[in-house]
Structures are given as C-alpha cells and as structure tokens.
N, C-alpha and C. Protein backbone atom coordinates (compact mmCIF):
# COMPACT_ATOMS: atom_id res chain seq x y z
N MET A 1 134.69 -48.42 194.83
CA MET A 1 134.12 -47.42 193.95
C MET A 1 132.67 -47.16 194.37
N SER A 2 132.31 -45.91 194.56
CA SER A 2 130.95 -45.58 194.99
C SER A 2 129.98 -45.56 193.81
N ASP A 3 128.71 -45.62 194.14
CA ASP A 3 127.68 -45.56 193.11
C ASP A 3 127.68 -44.18 192.45
N PRO A 4 127.41 -44.11 191.14
CA PRO A 4 127.45 -42.82 190.44
C PRO A 4 126.29 -41.91 190.87
N ILE A 5 126.52 -40.62 190.77
CA ILE A 5 125.52 -39.59 191.04
C ILE A 5 125.28 -38.84 189.74
N PHE A 6 124.02 -38.53 189.46
CA PHE A 6 123.66 -37.86 188.22
C PHE A 6 123.00 -36.52 188.48
N LYS A 7 123.14 -35.61 187.54
CA LYS A 7 122.45 -34.34 187.56
C LYS A 7 121.61 -34.27 186.29
N LYS A 8 120.49 -33.53 186.34
CA LYS A 8 119.61 -33.40 185.18
C LYS A 8 119.46 -31.93 184.81
N ILE A 9 119.44 -31.66 183.51
CA ILE A 9 119.16 -30.32 183.02
C ILE A 9 118.12 -30.42 181.91
N ASP A 10 117.31 -29.39 181.74
CA ASP A 10 116.35 -29.33 180.64
C ASP A 10 116.90 -28.39 179.57
N VAL A 11 116.84 -28.85 178.32
CA VAL A 11 117.32 -28.08 177.18
C VAL A 11 116.27 -28.16 176.08
N VAL A 12 116.04 -27.05 175.37
CA VAL A 12 115.10 -27.03 174.26
C VAL A 12 115.88 -26.96 172.96
N GLY A 13 115.72 -27.97 172.12
CA GLY A 13 116.33 -27.98 170.80
C GLY A 13 115.32 -27.59 169.75
N THR A 14 115.80 -27.04 168.64
CA THR A 14 114.92 -26.64 167.56
C THR A 14 115.41 -27.21 166.23
N SER A 15 114.47 -27.33 165.30
CA SER A 15 114.79 -27.82 163.96
C SER A 15 113.69 -27.37 163.00
N THR A 16 114.05 -27.17 161.78
CA THR A 16 113.04 -26.90 160.75
C THR A 16 112.58 -28.19 160.08
N ASN A 17 113.16 -29.34 160.48
CA ASN A 17 112.84 -30.61 159.83
C ASN A 17 111.97 -31.57 160.64
N SER A 18 112.29 -31.76 161.95
CA SER A 18 111.56 -32.78 162.70
C SER A 18 111.80 -32.63 164.21
N PHE A 19 110.91 -33.28 164.98
CA PHE A 19 111.08 -33.32 166.43
C PHE A 19 112.34 -34.09 166.81
N SER A 20 112.60 -35.19 166.12
CA SER A 20 113.78 -35.99 166.48
C SER A 20 115.07 -35.23 166.20
N GLU A 21 115.11 -34.47 165.13
CA GLU A 21 116.29 -33.66 164.84
C GLU A 21 116.44 -32.55 165.89
N ALA A 22 115.33 -31.99 166.34
CA ALA A 22 115.38 -30.97 167.39
C ALA A 22 115.98 -31.55 168.67
N ALA A 23 115.59 -32.77 169.03
CA ALA A 23 116.15 -33.43 170.21
C ALA A 23 117.64 -33.69 170.03
N ALA A 24 118.02 -34.18 168.87
CA ALA A 24 119.43 -34.45 168.59
C ALA A 24 120.25 -33.17 168.63
N ASN A 25 119.70 -32.08 168.12
CA ASN A 25 120.40 -30.79 168.16
C ASN A 25 120.62 -30.32 169.60
N ALA A 26 119.61 -30.52 170.45
CA ALA A 26 119.73 -30.12 171.86
C ALA A 26 120.84 -30.92 172.55
N ILE A 27 120.88 -32.22 172.31
CA ILE A 27 121.88 -33.07 172.95
C ILE A 27 123.28 -32.74 172.43
N ALA A 28 123.39 -32.52 171.14
CA ALA A 28 124.70 -32.19 170.56
C ALA A 28 125.22 -30.87 171.12
N LYS A 29 124.37 -29.87 171.20
CA LYS A 29 124.79 -28.57 171.72
C LYS A 29 125.17 -28.66 173.20
N ALA A 30 124.36 -29.36 173.99
CA ALA A 30 124.68 -29.52 175.41
C ALA A 30 126.01 -30.25 175.57
N GLY A 31 126.28 -31.21 174.69
CA GLY A 31 127.51 -31.98 174.76
C GLY A 31 128.78 -31.16 174.53
N GLU A 32 128.62 -29.94 174.00
CA GLU A 32 129.78 -29.07 173.81
C GLU A 32 130.33 -28.55 175.14
N THR A 33 129.47 -28.48 176.16
CA THR A 33 129.92 -27.94 177.45
C THR A 33 129.66 -28.88 178.64
N VAL A 34 128.84 -29.90 178.44
CA VAL A 34 128.51 -30.83 179.53
C VAL A 34 129.21 -32.16 179.26
N ARG A 35 129.95 -32.63 180.25
CA ARG A 35 130.64 -33.92 180.12
C ARG A 35 129.79 -35.04 180.71
N ASN A 36 130.08 -36.25 180.30
CA ASN A 36 129.51 -37.47 180.88
C ASN A 36 128.00 -37.60 180.68
N ILE A 37 127.47 -37.11 179.55
CA ILE A 37 126.04 -37.28 179.27
C ILE A 37 125.76 -38.77 179.14
N SER A 38 124.74 -39.24 179.87
CA SER A 38 124.44 -40.67 179.90
C SER A 38 123.09 -41.01 179.30
N TRP A 39 122.11 -40.10 179.40
CA TRP A 39 120.75 -40.43 178.94
C TRP A 39 119.96 -39.15 178.72
N PHE A 40 118.81 -39.30 178.07
CA PHE A 40 117.88 -38.18 177.92
C PHE A 40 116.47 -38.71 177.88
N GLU A 41 115.52 -37.84 178.18
CA GLU A 41 114.10 -38.17 178.03
C GLU A 41 113.41 -36.96 177.41
N VAL A 42 112.44 -37.23 176.56
CA VAL A 42 111.67 -36.16 175.93
C VAL A 42 110.60 -35.70 176.91
N ILE A 43 110.60 -34.42 177.21
CA ILE A 43 109.66 -33.84 178.17
C ILE A 43 108.46 -33.23 177.44
N GLU A 44 108.74 -32.54 176.34
CA GLU A 44 107.67 -31.81 175.64
C GLU A 44 108.04 -31.64 174.18
N GLN A 45 107.02 -31.63 173.33
CA GLN A 45 107.20 -31.32 171.92
C GLN A 45 106.18 -30.27 171.54
N ARG A 46 106.63 -29.28 170.80
CA ARG A 46 105.74 -28.23 170.31
C ARG A 46 106.39 -27.65 169.06
N GLY A 47 105.69 -26.73 168.43
CA GLY A 47 106.26 -26.10 167.24
C GLY A 47 105.61 -24.76 166.98
N SER A 48 106.16 -24.08 166.02
CA SER A 48 105.58 -22.80 165.62
C SER A 48 105.00 -22.93 164.22
N VAL A 49 103.94 -22.16 163.98
CA VAL A 49 103.21 -22.20 162.71
C VAL A 49 103.12 -20.79 162.16
N MET A 50 103.35 -20.67 160.85
CA MET A 50 103.20 -19.39 160.18
C MET A 50 102.45 -19.61 158.88
N GLU A 51 101.38 -18.87 158.71
CA GLU A 51 100.55 -18.97 157.51
C GLU A 51 100.12 -20.42 157.24
N GLY A 52 99.77 -21.12 158.31
CA GLY A 52 99.26 -22.48 158.18
C GLY A 52 100.30 -23.56 157.96
N MET A 53 101.56 -23.20 158.00
CA MET A 53 102.63 -24.17 157.76
C MET A 53 103.55 -24.25 158.98
N VAL A 54 104.02 -25.46 159.27
CA VAL A 54 104.96 -25.64 160.37
C VAL A 54 106.27 -24.94 160.00
N GLN A 55 106.73 -24.07 160.89
CA GLN A 55 107.98 -23.34 160.67
C GLN A 55 109.14 -23.91 161.47
N GLN A 56 108.82 -24.42 162.67
CA GLN A 56 109.90 -24.91 163.53
C GLN A 56 109.36 -25.96 164.50
N TYR A 57 110.14 -27.03 164.67
CA TYR A 57 109.86 -28.05 165.66
C TYR A 57 110.71 -27.75 166.89
N GLN A 58 110.12 -27.89 168.06
CA GLN A 58 110.83 -27.64 169.31
C GLN A 58 110.63 -28.84 170.23
N THR A 59 111.73 -29.36 170.76
CA THR A 59 111.68 -30.51 171.65
C THR A 59 112.44 -30.19 172.93
N THR A 60 111.75 -30.31 174.05
CA THR A 60 112.41 -30.15 175.35
C THR A 60 112.88 -31.52 175.81
N VAL A 61 114.18 -31.62 176.07
CA VAL A 61 114.75 -32.88 176.54
C VAL A 61 115.37 -32.66 177.92
N ARG A 62 115.23 -33.64 178.76
CA ARG A 62 115.90 -33.65 180.07
C ARG A 62 117.12 -34.54 179.90
N ILE A 63 118.28 -33.97 180.12
CA ILE A 63 119.54 -34.67 179.89
C ILE A 63 120.14 -35.03 181.25
N GLY A 64 120.54 -36.27 181.38
CA GLY A 64 121.18 -36.73 182.61
C GLY A 64 122.66 -36.96 182.38
N PHE A 65 123.47 -36.47 183.31
CA PHE A 65 124.91 -36.69 183.19
C PHE A 65 125.50 -37.00 184.55
N ARG A 66 126.55 -37.81 184.52
CA ARG A 66 127.21 -38.26 185.74
C ARG A 66 128.06 -37.13 186.31
N VAL A 67 127.91 -36.89 187.61
CA VAL A 67 128.70 -35.88 188.30
C VAL A 67 130.04 -36.50 188.69
N GLU A 68 131.10 -35.78 188.42
CA GLU A 68 132.44 -36.30 188.73
C GLU A 68 132.78 -36.10 190.19
C-alpha cells in the first residue's frame, strides 16, 4: 500500500453566531461534494459590521482530503 496523497482547498464559511460555527458550516458544505476529508486549518477570520454591530462571521478554512 502506498503512502496517501492529499489535496487542499480553501473554503469560506459564514455564520451569524460565531467564527467556529462559520468554520463548521464550511466543512459541512464541502463534505457534501468532497470525499475523504481528513483535516482543516483556519487561514483567516473576518466579519461584517452594520450600524456598529457584528452582522456576519466569516472563516476561511483550508481543507485537506485524501486523493483516491
């Protein structure tokens, strides 16, 4: 059996509640079409503000998955 090979993609998740929920949303959505997801890393966190209040949390995650 050969050593596994991985591919990485960047995905931006959003949430009105938190950065961690935004990351989880990104991974869940990617999992609908990407098989063999093995890991992720947070690349960036940012958000949008309207009238002085946080409106949306955005988290960019790099997702690694094993290539078949």
